[in-house]
Amino acid sequence: MKNESKEKQENIEREGKRELLKPKNDVVFQSLFNQKNETITKNMISALLGEEITKIKINETKELYREYPEEKLGILDLEAQINEKEKIDIEIQLIDRKNLTERLLKYFSKIYGMQVEKGKDYKEAKRVVIIAIIDYKYELTKELKQMETIWNLREKLNPKLILTDKIEIRIIELKKVQEEYKRDKTNKKAQWMLFINNPNDKEVQELVEKNEEIKEAMEELEEVSKIKQLRRIAELKDKAIRDEKNGLRHAKEDGINIGLERGRKEGIKER
């Protein structure tokens, strides 16, 4: 499998078509969506929220180039304030660590809590929308077909009653994007998710002819993909993610095998 991948990459490079880096990789994502690329970033967030953005301020405090994978590997952050009334935090989780709910609550509490400093009126705190884009099957929504679920605080017996609009959590599953796009090819949110997941797909290449916003993002990604240092770091991140996924899979398989063996021994004892 590794040799096939290497051969594919060599063929691409011989043809002068170097494979584009994937925006779901954190260093690539942050190189693409930032204050410098305000228009691209604004267009992407607008598609995700389904609302027009007239003003945006992006948090640029993160260190972009990191030589080695760190403990936050697999999480992509894009924090922004839009239209002077909402704070948006986009998180992309590539590995299922079984703690998505806790992570999202932590992100919300951190962003919301920083607004309510000592001496300030609670009413001044802006609405916070957390958008989690995940690249694995989510147990809680496995029976649902739609790629996105939206969560609020509601009254149990009267779900139309929302306690507050200051918190909203959205979960987008990349594994369901393809089917969502097939159902409605005009869905801009699905189009952007296809691009973020893998810009090298044929469908995404075709989207460039239909969607000017994604075309602009694709052109910027082509430039970003030429940066040798960025490619090297992105490849290190991809390798670390593959290694962790393999480790988790083997741990799960070992756990199943141990359980089966214990069950077999217990069965023999009872005979």
Protein backbone atom coordinates (compact mmCIF):
# COMPACT_ATOMS: atom_id res chain seq x y z
CA MET A 1 0.00 0.00 0.00
CA LYS A 2 2.86 2.37 0.91
CA ASN A 3 4.67 1.64 -2.38
CA GLU A 4 1.48 2.28 -4.36
CA SER A 5 1.04 5.64 -2.64
CA LYS A 6 4.67 6.58 -3.32
CA GLU A 7 4.35 5.52 -6.98
CA LYS A 8 1.15 7.58 -7.33
CA GLN A 9 2.89 10.67 -5.90
CA GLU A 10 5.90 10.18 -8.22
CA ASN A 11 3.59 9.91 -11.24
CA ILE A 12 1.79 13.11 -10.21
CA GLU A 13 5.07 14.98 -9.83
CA ARG A 14 6.42 13.70 -13.20
CA GLU A 15 3.29 15.05 -14.87
CA GLY A 16 3.86 18.42 -13.19
CA LYS A 17 0.71 18.07 -11.08
CA ARG A 18 1.94 18.06 -7.51
CA GLU A 19 -0.81 16.84 -5.22
CA LEU A 20 -2.45 19.63 -3.24
CA LEU A 21 -2.17 19.62 0.53
CA LYS A 22 -5.42 18.86 2.35
CA PRO A 23 -6.95 21.77 4.30
CA LYS A 24 -8.08 19.44 7.10
CA ASN A 25 -4.42 19.26 8.14
CA ASP A 26 -3.93 21.95 10.80
CA VAL A 27 -0.91 23.82 9.38
CA VAL A 28 -2.54 23.86 5.95
CA PHE A 29 -5.89 25.01 7.35
CA GLN A 30 -4.30 27.86 9.28
CA SER A 31 -2.20 28.87 6.26
CA LEU A 32 -5.36 29.08 4.17
CA PHE A 33 -7.91 30.58 6.56
CA ASN A 34 -6.56 33.64 8.36
CA GLN A 35 -6.71 37.44 8.45
CA LYS A 36 -4.40 37.71 5.42
CA ASN A 37 -6.88 35.66 3.40
CA GLU A 38 -9.88 37.48 4.85
CA THR A 39 -12.14 37.05 1.82
CA ILE A 40 -11.58 33.29 1.58
CA THR A 41 -12.10 32.88 5.33
CA LYS A 42 -15.23 35.02 5.32
CA ASN A 43 -16.71 33.06 2.40
CA MET A 44 -16.09 29.72 4.10
CA ILE A 45 -17.59 30.79 7.44
CA SER A 46 -20.55 32.41 5.67
CA ALA A 47 -21.30 29.11 3.90
CA LEU A 48 -21.10 27.18 7.18
CA LEU A 49 -23.41 29.58 9.04
CA GLY A 50 -25.73 30.31 6.14
CA GLU A 51 -25.58 34.04 6.79
CA GLU A 52 -23.94 37.08 5.24
CA ILE A 53 -20.81 38.35 6.94
CA THR A 54 -20.13 42.06 6.62
CA LYS A 55 -17.36 42.33 9.19
CA ILE A 56 -14.88 39.78 10.51
CA LYS A 57 -11.99 39.86 12.98
CA ILE A 58 -9.85 36.72 13.13
CA ASN A 59 -7.79 35.64 16.14
CA GLU A 60 -4.19 35.45 14.89
CA THR A 61 -2.43 34.60 18.16
CA LYS A 62 -1.52 31.00 17.25
CA GLU A 63 1.97 29.93 16.23
CA LEU A 64 1.56 28.70 12.67
CA TYR A 65 4.73 26.74 11.88
CA ARG A 66 5.44 24.01 14.40
CA GLU A 67 8.25 21.58 13.73
CA TYR A 68 6.80 18.58 15.60
CA PRO A 69 3.31 17.20 16.30
CA GLU A 70 2.03 18.25 19.73
CA GLU A 71 -0.67 17.00 22.06
CA LYS A 72 -3.37 18.97 20.28
CA LEU A 73 -2.73 17.07 17.05
CA GLY A 74 -5.85 16.63 14.93
CA ILE A 75 -7.62 19.78 16.16
CA LEU A 76 -7.76 22.80 13.89
CA ASP A 77 -8.68 26.14 15.39
CA LEU A 78 -10.19 29.12 13.63
CA GLU A 79 -11.58 31.68 16.05
CA ALA A 80 -13.27 34.80 14.72
CA GLN A 81 -15.71 37.52 15.65
CA ILE A 82 -18.30 38.28 12.97
CA ASN A 83 -20.66 41.20 12.46
CA GLU A 84 -19.66 42.43 15.94
CA LYS A 85 -22.27 40.14 17.52
CA GLU A 86 -21.01 36.54 17.35
CA LYS A 87 -17.87 34.62 18.17
CA ILE A 88 -17.18 31.58 16.00
CA ASP A 89 -14.79 28.76 16.79
CA ILE A 90 -14.16 26.08 14.15
CA GLU A 91 -12.54 22.87 15.35
CA ILE A 92 -11.62 19.96 13.08
CA GLN A 93 -11.06 16.66 14.85
CA LEU A 94 -9.43 13.94 12.76
CA ILE A 95 -9.15 11.26 15.46
CA ASP A 96 -11.95 9.82 17.57
CA ARG A 97 -10.70 10.13 21.14
CA LYS A 98 -14.18 9.50 22.56
CA ASN A 99 -14.35 12.92 24.23
CA LEU A 100 -15.89 15.18 21.59
CA THR A 101 -18.70 16.48 23.84
CA GLU A 102 -16.28 17.41 26.63
CA ARG A 103 -13.93 19.14 24.18
CA LEU A 104 -16.71 21.24 22.67
CA LEU A 105 -18.00 22.30 26.09
CA LYS A 106 -14.46 23.28 27.06
CA TYR A 107 -14.07 25.40 23.92
CA PHE A 108 -17.38 27.15 24.57
CA SER A 109 -16.68 27.82 28.25
CA LYS A 110 -13.23 29.20 27.44
CA ILE A 111 -14.45 31.61 24.75
CA TYR A 112 -17.60 32.67 26.60
CA GLY A 113 -15.86 32.97 29.97
CA MET A 114 -13.14 35.25 28.60
CA GLN A 115 -15.85 37.75 27.62
CA VAL A 116 -17.35 37.92 31.11
CA GLU A 117 -14.45 39.47 33.00
CA LYS A 118 -14.74 40.98 36.45
CA GLY A 119 -16.71 44.22 36.44
CA LYS A 120 -18.37 43.62 33.07
CA ASP A 121 -22.09 43.17 32.48
CA TYR A 122 -23.00 39.56 31.58
CA LYS A 123 -25.29 40.90 28.88
CA GLU A 124 -22.26 42.20 26.97
CA ALA A 125 -21.11 38.66 26.22
CA LYS A 126 -21.55 37.77 22.56
CA ARG A 127 -23.21 34.63 21.25
CA VAL A 128 -20.71 31.77 20.77
CA VAL A 129 -21.05 29.23 17.97
CA ILE A 130 -18.78 26.20 18.06
CA ILE A 131 -18.46 24.32 14.77
CA ALA A 132 -16.87 20.88 15.00
CA ILE A 133 -15.87 19.22 11.73
CA ILE A 134 -15.08 15.57 12.45
CA ASP A 135 -13.45 12.95 10.23
CA TYR A 136 -14.85 9.77 11.78
CA LYS A 137 -18.15 8.03 12.45
CA TYR A 138 -19.88 9.67 15.41
CA GLU A 139 -21.70 7.17 17.61
CA LEU A 140 -24.36 9.63 18.79
CA THR A 141 -25.57 10.48 15.26
CA LYS A 142 -24.74 7.26 13.41
CA GLU A 143 -28.41 6.67 12.51
CA LEU A 144 -28.86 10.15 11.01
CA LYS A 145 -28.26 10.78 7.31
CA GLN A 146 -27.64 14.53 7.36
CA MET A 147 -24.03 15.66 7.58
CA GLU A 148 -24.73 18.38 10.17
CA THR A 149 -26.51 18.44 13.52
CA ILE A 150 -27.19 21.66 15.49
CA TRP A 151 -27.42 21.63 19.29
CA ASN A 152 -28.97 24.20 21.69
CA LEU A 153 -30.13 24.33 25.32
CA ARG A 154 -33.86 23.51 25.27
CA GLU A 155 -36.63 22.83 27.78
CA LYS A 156 -37.11 19.07 28.04
CA LEU A 157 -40.92 18.90 27.72
CA ASN A 158 -41.20 21.95 25.46
CA PRO A 159 -38.30 21.69 22.97
CA LYS A 160 -39.42 24.83 21.12
CA LEU A 161 -38.38 26.83 24.20
CA ILE A 162 -34.66 27.68 23.97
CA LEU A 163 -33.09 28.81 27.24
CA THR A 164 -30.56 31.06 25.52
CA ASP A 165 -29.13 31.72 22.07
CA LYS A 166 -25.70 32.49 23.56
CA ILE A 167 -24.56 28.91 22.93
CA GLU A 168 -24.86 26.83 19.77
CA ILE A 169 -22.84 23.75 18.85
CA ARG A 170 -22.74 22.40 15.31
CA ILE A 171 -21.22 19.06 14.34
CA ILE A 172 -20.38 18.34 10.70
CA GLU A 173 -19.35 14.81 9.76
CA LEU A 174 -16.98 14.58 6.79
CA LYS A 175 -17.93 10.91 6.33
CA LYS A 176 -21.46 12.02 5.35
CA VAL A 177 -20.52 14.95 3.11
CA GLN A 178 -20.36 12.95 -0.13
CA GLU A 179 -23.94 11.71 0.23
CA GLU A 180 -25.16 15.17 1.25
CA TYR A 181 -23.58 16.64 -1.88
CA LYS A 182 -25.15 13.97 -4.09
CA ARG A 183 -28.58 14.84 -2.68
CA ASP A 184 -28.09 18.55 -3.38
CA LYS A 185 -25.13 19.66 -5.50
CA THR A 186 -26.02 23.32 -4.93
CA ASN A 187 -25.37 22.97 -1.19
CA LYS A 188 -22.52 25.44 -0.57
CA LYS A 189 -21.75 24.00 2.85
CA ALA A 190 -21.26 20.53 1.36
CA GLN A 191 -19.14 22.03 -1.43
CA TRP A 192 -16.77 23.65 1.07
CA MET A 193 -16.57 20.47 3.11
CA LEU A 194 -15.59 18.48 0.02
CA PHE A 195 -12.82 21.01 -0.59
CA ILE A 196 -11.57 20.88 3.01
CA ASN A 197 -11.65 17.09 3.07
CA ASN A 198 -9.71 16.52 -0.16
CA PRO A 199 -9.18 19.17 -2.86
CA ASN A 200 -7.61 16.53 -5.15
CA ASP A 201 -10.94 14.76 -5.71
CA LYS A 202 -12.38 15.02 -9.21
CA GLU A 203 -15.65 16.45 -7.86
CA VAL A 204 -13.82 19.30 -6.17
CA GLN A 205 -11.92 20.07 -9.35
CA GLU A 206 -15.28 20.31 -11.12
CA LEU A 207 -16.63 22.61 -8.39
CA VAL A 208 -14.03 25.21 -9.30
CA GLU A 209 -15.93 25.78 -12.54
CA LYS A 210 -19.19 26.43 -10.64
CA ASN A 211 -18.17 28.11 -7.40
CA GLU A 212 -16.03 31.27 -7.66
CA GLU A 213 -15.43 31.32 -3.91
CA ILE A 214 -13.95 27.82 -3.89
CA LYS A 215 -12.00 28.66 -7.04
CA GLU A 216 -10.34 31.51 -5.14
CA ALA A 217 -9.59 29.21 -2.21
CA MET A 218 -8.18 26.59 -4.59
CA GLU A 219 -5.83 29.14 -6.17
CA GLU A 220 -4.53 30.13 -2.73
CA LEU A 221 -4.16 26.46 -1.77
CA GLU A 222 -2.06 25.85 -4.90
CA GLU A 223 0.34 28.57 -3.71
CA VAL A 224 0.37 27.24 -0.14
CA SER A 225 1.10 23.72 -1.41
CA LYS A 226 4.33 24.97 -3.02
CA ILE A 227 5.87 25.93 0.34
CA LYS A 228 8.45 23.22 1.04
CA GLN A 229 8.60 23.78 4.80
CA LEU A 230 4.83 23.60 5.05
CA ARG A 231 4.68 20.40 3.00
CA ARG A 232 7.27 18.79 5.26
CA ILE A 233 5.41 19.73 8.44
CA ALA A 234 2.05 18.68 6.94
CA GLU A 235 3.51 15.29 6.01
CA LEU A 236 4.80 14.85 9.58
CA LYS A 237 1.32 15.65 10.90
CA ASP A 238 -0.34 13.22 8.48
CA LYS A 239 2.08 10.46 9.50
CA ALA A 240 1.49 11.11 13.21
CA ILE A 241 -2.29 10.96 12.67
CA ARG A 242 -2.00 7.66 10.74
CA ASP A 243 0.22 6.21 13.47
CA GLU A 244 -2.21 7.21 16.23
CA LYS A 245 -5.19 5.81 14.31
CA ASN A 246 -3.34 2.52 13.79
CA GLY A 247 -2.43 2.42 17.48
CA LEU A 248 -6.04 2.98 18.51
CA ARG A 249 -7.26 0.32 16.07
CA HIS A 250 -4.74 -2.25 17.31
CA ALA A 251 -5.62 -1.44 20.94
CA LYS A 252 -9.29 -2.01 20.13
CA GLU A 253 -8.54 -5.30 18.35
CA ASP A 254 -6.36 -6.45 21.26
CA GLY A 255 -9.13 -5.57 23.69
CA ILE A 256 -11.66 -7.59 21.68
CA ASN A 257 -9.32 -10.58 21.46
CA ILE A 258 -8.63 -10.46 25.22
CA GLY A 259 -12.38 -10.31 25.88
CA LEU A 260 -13.04 -13.28 23.62
CA GLU A 261 -10.28 -15.31 25.25
CA ARG A 262 -11.60 -14.55 28.74
CA GLY A 263 -15.08 -15.49 27.62
CA ARG A 264 -13.79 -18.78 26.19
CA LYS A 265 -11.98 -19.61 29.43
CA GLU A 266 -15.03 -18.74 31.53
CA GLY A 267 -17.15 -20.93 29.26
CA ILE A 268 -14.77 -23.88 29.76
CA LYS A 269 -14.89 -23.41 33.58
CA GLU A 270 -18.70 -23.55 33.60
CA ARG A 271 -18.82 -26.86 31.76
